[in-house]
Amino acid sequence: MSINTLPSTVRALLQADPTSKTITLVERPLPKPNSAKGEHLIRVYAAAPCAGELLWPSFGDIPGKEIITCDDVAGVVVSAPEGSPFKEGDEVYARTSYYRPGCARDYAIATTDELAGRPRKLSWAESSAVPLAAETAWQALFKHAGVGNFDSPNWKGKRILVTGASGGVGTWVVQIASQTGAEVVGTCGPDNLDHVQALGAKQALNYRSLKISEWGQNPVNKVDVIIDCVGGKSLEDAWWCLRDNGVIISINQPPEGKRPAGFSGSNVKDLFFIMEPSGADLAEITKLIDKGKCRPIVDSVWPLEQFQNAYERLDSGHARGKVVFDLLLNIQK
């Protein structure tokens, strides 16, 4: 589609304010990319929300910024700044910046350093389900664990514990880590034990029937790396599984605040981090997907007009995988 024939307005999911979970479907002006900032205009084919995103503080200190939901996107480049590796017509995907309006709209903005070519083996909906969870897993393993990059031989023989292994980020940690030669152990509920092992875990632990804190105090069960995707009591119990010289990483809260009294492990490292959108990381993940080594898990796909039902599914706690908006449903293609 020529830039000169684009619509003047687009559908968008607008959140009332950072303290409200109220969302409305509105019409908004077509976004205008700033080429000086590396911005591309993307025709959105699919976008994915993140559980809990409606309660994140957003744009509170940026007057005039509207909160449009969903920062995971898959679509086609409509316009690109000069010198960009992405050209008009390229099929791309990205995790876009939390500090810009999101991608639950017919056209959105993504920058050069956020974008990657999308996996051709996946549908549009599956593509949009990848970026946030997969990039978080990648960065936890290869930027923060301190073991090495994906190809490092240092991973062989390492033991990794993943809490919430059947969740959005956990499934990606299991899949990616198992490709490094590490031995992966995942915690999950009883209904997901086979699922977690099918993703690559050597062992899946039912946290409802097994006390992880007791399991972890057996020397043969100790691990070198813990990646916590749950927080709270699960994070506290996971500490007991950590070997001396190990590292515990959480994507939910600083691990030190949940370090249990009596834990006496020596020379351990703890870290909380928030992922940073990275097209370079996403490109590496794309290679694994295209080789059939990893895959996203999609729970359900919804037209934009059914956003209330989609967010109810997302917030129910019963979604197995990502909830996705297909922006081509219910409109003429």
Protein backbone atom coordinates (compact mmCIF):
# COMPACT_ATOMS: atom_id res chain seq x y z
CA MET A 1 0.00 0.00 0.00
CA SER A 2 1.38 3.39 -0.97
CA ILE A 3 2.00 5.87 1.84
CA ASN A 4 -0.21 8.26 -0.12
CA THR A 5 -3.22 5.93 0.01
CA LEU A 6 -3.14 5.18 3.72
CA PRO A 7 -6.22 5.87 5.85
CA SER A 8 -6.29 9.06 7.89
CA THR A 9 -7.53 7.22 11.00
CA VAL A 10 -6.98 3.78 12.53
CA ARG A 11 -8.69 1.56 15.08
CA ALA A 12 -6.91 1.49 18.42
CA LEU A 13 -7.38 0.00 21.90
CA LEU A 14 -7.10 2.88 24.34
CA GLN A 15 -6.58 2.48 28.07
CA ALA A 16 -8.33 5.18 30.07
CA ASP A 17 -5.36 5.95 32.35
CA PRO A 18 -2.52 4.10 34.13
CA THR A 19 -4.67 3.41 37.19
CA SER A 20 -7.64 1.97 35.32
CA LYS A 21 -8.15 -1.31 33.46
CA THR A 22 -10.90 0.28 31.36
CA ILE A 23 -10.25 -0.10 27.62
CA THR A 24 -12.20 1.29 24.70
CA LEU A 25 -11.96 0.76 20.95
CA VAL A 26 -11.50 4.19 19.38
CA GLU A 27 -10.45 5.87 16.15
CA ARG A 28 -7.15 7.72 16.23
CA PRO A 29 -5.09 9.58 13.61
CA LEU A 30 -2.67 7.53 11.56
CA PRO A 31 0.65 7.56 13.47
CA LYS A 32 3.46 9.52 11.85
CA PRO A 33 6.94 8.00 12.09
CA ASN A 34 9.94 10.19 12.86
CA SER A 35 12.68 9.03 10.48
CA ALA A 36 15.34 10.90 12.48
CA LYS A 37 14.61 8.50 15.37
CA GLY A 38 14.74 5.40 13.18
CA GLU A 39 10.96 4.97 13.24
CA HIS A 40 9.14 2.73 10.76
CA LEU A 41 5.43 2.70 10.04
CA ILE A 42 4.12 -0.85 10.36
CA ARG A 43 0.85 -2.24 9.05
CA VAL A 44 -0.17 -4.34 12.03
CA TYR A 45 -1.38 -7.84 11.25
CA ALA A 46 -1.27 -9.17 14.81
CA ALA A 47 -0.50 -7.82 18.27
CA ALA A 48 -0.23 -9.50 21.66
CA PRO A 49 -0.92 -8.10 25.15
CA CYS A 50 1.06 -9.12 28.21
CA ALA A 51 -0.57 -10.37 31.41
CA GLY A 52 -0.72 -7.55 33.92
CA GLU A 53 0.18 -4.81 31.44
CA LEU A 54 -2.92 -2.77 32.25
CA LEU A 55 -1.65 -2.25 35.78
CA TRP A 56 1.83 -1.12 34.78
CA PRO A 57 2.52 2.59 35.35
CA SER A 58 2.67 4.08 31.89
CA PHE A 59 3.29 7.56 30.51
CA GLY A 60 2.45 9.04 33.90
CA ASP A 61 5.13 11.67 33.55
CA ILE A 62 4.72 12.30 29.81
CA PRO A 63 1.86 14.80 29.32
CA GLY A 64 -0.40 14.14 26.36
CA LYS A 65 0.72 10.57 25.71
CA GLU A 66 -2.13 8.13 25.18
CA ILE A 67 -1.92 4.55 26.41
CA ILE A 68 -2.54 2.20 23.50
CA THR A 69 -2.10 -1.41 24.60
CA CYS A 70 0.06 -4.28 23.28
CA ASP A 71 3.77 -3.81 22.62
CA ASP A 72 4.32 -7.11 20.78
CA VAL A 73 3.62 -6.78 17.07
CA ALA A 74 3.90 -8.59 13.75
CA GLY A 75 3.24 -6.84 10.48
CA VAL A 76 4.53 -5.35 7.24
CA VAL A 77 6.77 -2.31 6.81
CA VAL A 78 4.90 0.54 5.11
CA SER A 79 7.63 3.16 5.34
CA ALA A 80 11.22 3.10 6.58
CA PRO A 81 13.87 5.74 7.25
CA GLU A 82 16.73 6.08 4.80
CA GLY A 83 19.45 3.53 5.42
CA SER A 84 17.25 1.10 7.32
CA PRO A 85 17.84 -2.62 6.70
CA PHE A 86 14.05 -2.99 6.60
CA LYS A 87 12.26 -1.91 3.44
CA GLU A 88 8.67 -1.36 2.36
CA GLY A 89 6.92 -4.73 2.16
CA ASP A 90 9.22 -6.55 4.58
CA GLU A 91 7.49 -8.89 7.02
CA VAL A 92 8.73 -8.05 10.51
CA TYR A 93 8.04 -8.41 14.21
CA ALA A 94 9.15 -6.64 17.37
CA ARG A 95 8.76 -5.83 21.01
CA THR A 96 8.29 -2.08 20.88
CA SER A 97 9.18 0.41 23.58
CA TYR A 98 6.95 0.62 26.62
CA TYR A 99 7.41 4.38 26.51
CA ARG A 100 5.56 4.81 23.20
CA PRO A 101 1.91 4.08 22.43
CA GLY A 102 1.48 0.38 21.74
CA CYS A 103 0.53 -1.70 18.72
CA ALA A 104 -3.13 -2.64 19.26
CA ARG A 105 -4.00 -0.46 16.26
CA ASP A 106 -4.08 -0.90 12.50
CA TYR A 107 -0.77 0.94 12.04
CA ALA A 108 1.99 1.34 14.62
CA ILE A 109 5.56 2.55 15.06
CA ALA A 110 8.69 0.43 15.54
CA THR A 111 12.34 1.49 15.47
CA THR A 112 15.24 -0.07 13.60
CA ASP A 113 16.81 -1.52 16.73
CA GLU A 114 13.54 -3.18 17.81
CA LEU A 115 12.75 -4.93 14.53
CA ALA A 116 13.65 -8.33 13.12
CA GLY A 117 12.45 -10.28 10.12
CA ARG A 118 9.64 -12.54 11.29
CA PRO A 119 9.87 -16.36 11.21
CA ARG A 120 8.37 -17.62 7.97
CA LYS A 121 7.29 -20.91 9.57
CA LEU A 122 4.87 -19.10 11.85
CA SER A 123 1.49 -17.52 11.28
CA TRP A 124 1.05 -13.81 11.94
CA ALA A 125 -0.61 -14.56 15.28
CA GLU A 126 2.19 -16.92 16.30
CA SER A 127 4.80 -14.35 15.29
CA SER A 128 3.30 -11.68 17.54
CA ALA A 129 3.35 -14.14 20.46
CA VAL A 130 7.15 -14.38 20.41
CA PRO A 131 8.99 -11.10 21.16
CA LEU A 132 8.48 -10.17 24.83
CA ALA A 133 8.66 -13.66 26.30
CA ALA A 134 11.43 -14.93 24.05
CA GLU A 135 13.61 -11.82 24.39
CA THR A 136 13.20 -11.91 28.17
CA ALA A 137 14.32 -15.55 28.25
CA TRP A 138 17.25 -14.84 25.92
CA GLN A 139 18.49 -11.91 27.99
CA ALA A 140 18.11 -13.78 31.28
CA LEU A 141 20.22 -16.65 29.95
CA PHE A 142 22.84 -14.93 27.85
CA LYS A 143 23.14 -11.38 29.19
CA HIS A 144 22.58 -11.83 32.93
CA ALA A 145 23.37 -15.42 33.98
CA GLY A 146 27.11 -14.91 33.44
CA VAL A 147 27.67 -18.36 31.94
CA GLY A 148 28.23 -17.38 28.31
CA ASN A 149 26.44 -16.74 25.04
CA PHE A 150 24.20 -19.26 23.30
CA ASP A 151 27.10 -21.10 21.66
CA SER A 152 29.34 -21.16 24.73
CA PRO A 153 30.55 -24.63 25.80
CA ASN A 154 30.26 -23.41 29.40
CA TRP A 155 26.55 -24.32 29.39
CA LYS A 156 27.20 -28.04 28.99
CA GLY A 157 26.67 -29.75 32.32
CA LYS A 158 25.07 -26.72 33.98
CA ARG A 159 21.80 -27.27 35.81
CA ILE A 160 19.08 -24.65 35.40
CA LEU A 161 15.90 -24.37 37.46
CA VAL A 162 12.98 -22.50 35.86
CA THR A 163 10.03 -21.57 38.06
CA GLY A 164 6.74 -21.13 36.21
CA ALA A 165 8.12 -23.26 33.38
CA SER A 166 4.74 -23.58 31.65
CA GLY A 167 4.15 -19.81 31.55
CA GLY A 168 4.92 -17.28 28.83
CA VAL A 169 8.58 -16.62 29.65
CA GLY A 170 9.16 -19.98 31.31
CA THR A 171 8.35 -21.95 28.15
CA TRP A 172 10.97 -19.95 26.27
CA VAL A 173 13.62 -20.39 28.97
CA VAL A 174 13.05 -24.14 28.88
CA GLN A 175 13.19 -24.34 25.09
CA ILE A 176 16.22 -22.11 24.60
CA ALA A 177 18.23 -23.39 27.57
CA SER A 178 17.73 -27.00 26.55
CA GLN A 179 19.41 -26.19 23.21
CA THR A 180 22.64 -25.10 24.94
CA GLY A 181 23.48 -28.50 26.43
CA ALA A 182 22.37 -27.48 29.92
CA GLU A 183 20.14 -29.71 32.04
CA VAL A 184 16.81 -27.97 32.63
CA VAL A 185 14.43 -28.54 35.54
CA GLY A 186 11.07 -26.75 35.48
CA THR A 187 8.34 -26.20 38.07
CA CYS A 188 4.70 -26.20 37.02
CA GLY A 189 1.27 -27.46 37.97
CA PRO A 190 0.26 -31.13 37.53
CA ASP A 191 -1.54 -30.55 34.24
CA ASN A 192 1.60 -29.18 32.56
CA LEU A 193 4.25 -31.72 33.58
CA ASP A 194 4.27 -33.52 30.22
CA HIS A 195 4.09 -30.20 28.37
CA VAL A 196 7.18 -28.84 30.11
CA GLN A 197 9.16 -31.99 29.44
CA ALA A 198 8.09 -31.95 25.80
CA LEU A 199 9.59 -28.46 25.56
CA GLY A 200 12.98 -29.81 26.61
CA ALA A 201 13.09 -30.03 30.39
CA LYS A 202 14.84 -33.11 31.72
CA GLN A 203 12.65 -32.97 34.81
CA ALA A 204 9.33 -31.27 35.58
CA LEU A 205 8.38 -30.71 39.24
CA ASN A 206 4.79 -30.40 40.44
CA TYR A 207 5.01 -27.45 42.83
CA ARG A 208 1.61 -28.33 44.32
CA SER A 209 2.68 -31.71 45.66
CA LEU A 210 6.43 -31.19 46.10
CA LYS A 211 8.03 -28.74 48.54
CA ILE A 212 10.67 -27.16 46.35
CA SER A 213 12.48 -25.77 49.39
CA GLU A 214 12.99 -29.29 50.72
CA TRP A 215 13.78 -30.79 47.32
CA GLY A 216 16.46 -28.16 46.78
CA GLN A 217 18.33 -28.90 50.00
CA ASN A 218 19.30 -32.33 48.72
CA PRO A 219 22.84 -31.82 47.31
CA VAL A 220 22.09 -33.89 44.18
CA ASN A 221 19.29 -31.49 43.25
CA LYS A 222 21.29 -28.27 43.49
CA VAL A 223 21.40 -26.04 40.38
CA ASP A 224 23.84 -23.49 38.97
CA VAL A 225 21.28 -21.03 37.60
CA ILE A 226 17.74 -20.22 38.73
CA ILE A 227 15.45 -18.18 36.50
CA ASP A 228 12.34 -17.24 38.45
CA CYS A 229 9.25 -16.36 36.42
CA VAL A 230 6.80 -16.32 39.35
CA GLY A 231 8.11 -14.34 42.32
CA GLY A 232 6.74 -14.46 45.86
CA LYS A 233 6.85 -17.78 47.73
CA SER A 234 8.06 -19.58 44.63
CA LEU A 235 11.11 -17.31 44.48
CA GLU A 236 11.75 -17.75 48.21
CA ASP A 237 11.64 -21.55 47.93
CA ALA A 238 13.87 -21.55 44.85
CA TRP A 239 16.77 -20.04 46.82
CA TRP A 240 17.26 -23.39 48.59
CA CYS A 241 18.08 -25.01 45.25
CA LEU A 242 21.04 -22.76 44.51
CA ARG A 243 24.58 -24.08 44.56
CA ASP A 244 27.56 -22.14 45.88
CA ASN A 245 28.80 -19.73 43.17
CA GLY A 246 25.37 -19.89 41.51
CA VAL A 247 23.12 -17.12 40.20
CA ILE A 248 19.41 -16.51 40.84
CA ILE A 249 17.55 -14.21 38.43
CA SER A 250 13.97 -13.01 38.72
CA ILE A 251 11.83 -11.16 36.21
CA ASN A 252 9.26 -10.34 38.92
CA GLN A 253 11.07 -8.80 41.90
CA PRO A 254 14.57 -8.45 43.39
CA PRO A 255 15.54 -11.93 44.66
CA GLU A 256 17.41 -10.55 47.67
CA GLY A 257 14.07 -9.49 49.19
CA LYS A 258 12.96 -13.13 49.17
CA ARG A 259 16.22 -14.67 50.37
CA PRO A 260 15.14 -17.05 53.16
CA ALA A 261 16.56 -16.84 56.64
CA GLY A 262 19.06 -19.62 57.12
CA PHE A 263 20.20 -19.82 53.51
CA SER A 264 23.96 -20.13 53.70
CA GLY A 265 25.10 -20.51 50.11
CA SER A 266 28.38 -18.76 49.39
CA ASN A 267 29.42 -16.43 46.58
CA VAL A 268 25.97 -16.40 45.00
CA LYS A 269 24.70 -13.65 42.71
CA ASP A 270 21.12 -12.40 42.59
CA LEU A 271 19.57 -10.13 39.97
CA PHE A 272 16.25 -8.60 38.97
CA PHE A 273 15.94 -7.21 35.46
CA ILE A 274 13.42 -5.89 32.97
CA MET A 275 14.02 -6.87 29.38
CA GLU A 276 15.05 -4.24 26.85
CA PRO A 277 13.58 -4.52 23.33
CA SER A 278 16.30 -5.81 21.01
CA GLY A 279 15.92 -6.65 17.37
CA ALA A 280 19.36 -8.29 17.47
CA ASP A 281 18.25 -10.72 20.17
CA LEU A 282 15.02 -11.37 18.31
CA ALA A 283 16.96 -12.18 15.13
CA GLU A 284 18.87 -14.90 17.01
CA ILE A 285 15.60 -16.31 18.33
CA THR A 286 14.22 -16.29 14.78
CA LYS A 287 17.05 -18.59 13.70
CA LEU A 288 16.06 -21.15 16.33
CA ILE A 289 12.40 -20.94 15.31
CA ASP A 290 13.23 -21.36 11.63
CA LYS A 291 15.31 -24.44 12.48
CA GLY A 292 12.35 -25.92 14.34
CA LYS A 293 14.14 -25.73 17.71
CA CYS A 294 11.63 -23.44 19.44
CA ARG A 295 8.02 -22.39 19.02
CA PRO A 296 5.54 -20.00 20.61
CA ILE A 297 2.47 -21.22 22.46
CA VAL A 298 -0.74 -19.41 21.45
CA ASP A 299 -3.76 -19.79 23.71
CA SER A 300 -6.34 -17.97 21.62
CA VAL A 301 -6.75 -15.47 18.78
CA TRP A 302 -9.31 -12.66 18.81
CA PRO A 303 -10.51 -9.88 16.51
CA LEU A 304 -9.78 -6.42 17.87
CA GLU A 305 -13.50 -5.81 18.43
CA GLN A 306 -13.61 -8.64 20.99
CA PHE A 307 -10.96 -7.05 23.21
CA GLN A 308 -13.05 -7.42 26.36
CA ASN A 309 -13.26 -11.19 25.95
CA ALA A 310 -9.57 -11.38 25.11
CA TYR A 311 -8.49 -9.48 28.22
CA GLU A 312 -10.84 -11.55 30.37
CA ARG A 313 -9.13 -14.66 29.02
CA LEU A 314 -5.71 -13.11 29.66
CA ASP A 315 -6.59 -12.17 33.24
CA SER A 316 -8.31 -15.47 34.03
CA GLY A 317 -5.07 -17.22 34.88
CA HIS A 318 -6.14 -20.15 32.70
CA ALA A 319 -4.57 -19.10 29.40
CA ARG A 320 -1.98 -21.60 28.19
CA GLY A 321 0.26 -19.46 26.07
CA LYS A 322 -0.31 -16.03 24.57
CA VAL A 323 -3.60 -14.28 23.89
CA VAL A 324 -3.35 -12.57 20.50
CA PHE A 325 -5.28 -10.00 18.47
CA ASP A 326 -5.55 -10.70 14.73
CA LEU A 327 -6.26 -7.29 13.22
CA LEU A 328 -7.34 -8.77 9.90
CA LEU A 329 -10.26 -10.68 11.40
CA ASN A 330 -13.70 -9.18 10.84
CA ILE A 331 -12.44 -6.71 8.23
CA GLN A 332 -12.13 -7.08 4.49
CA LYS A 333 -8.60 -8.08 3.57
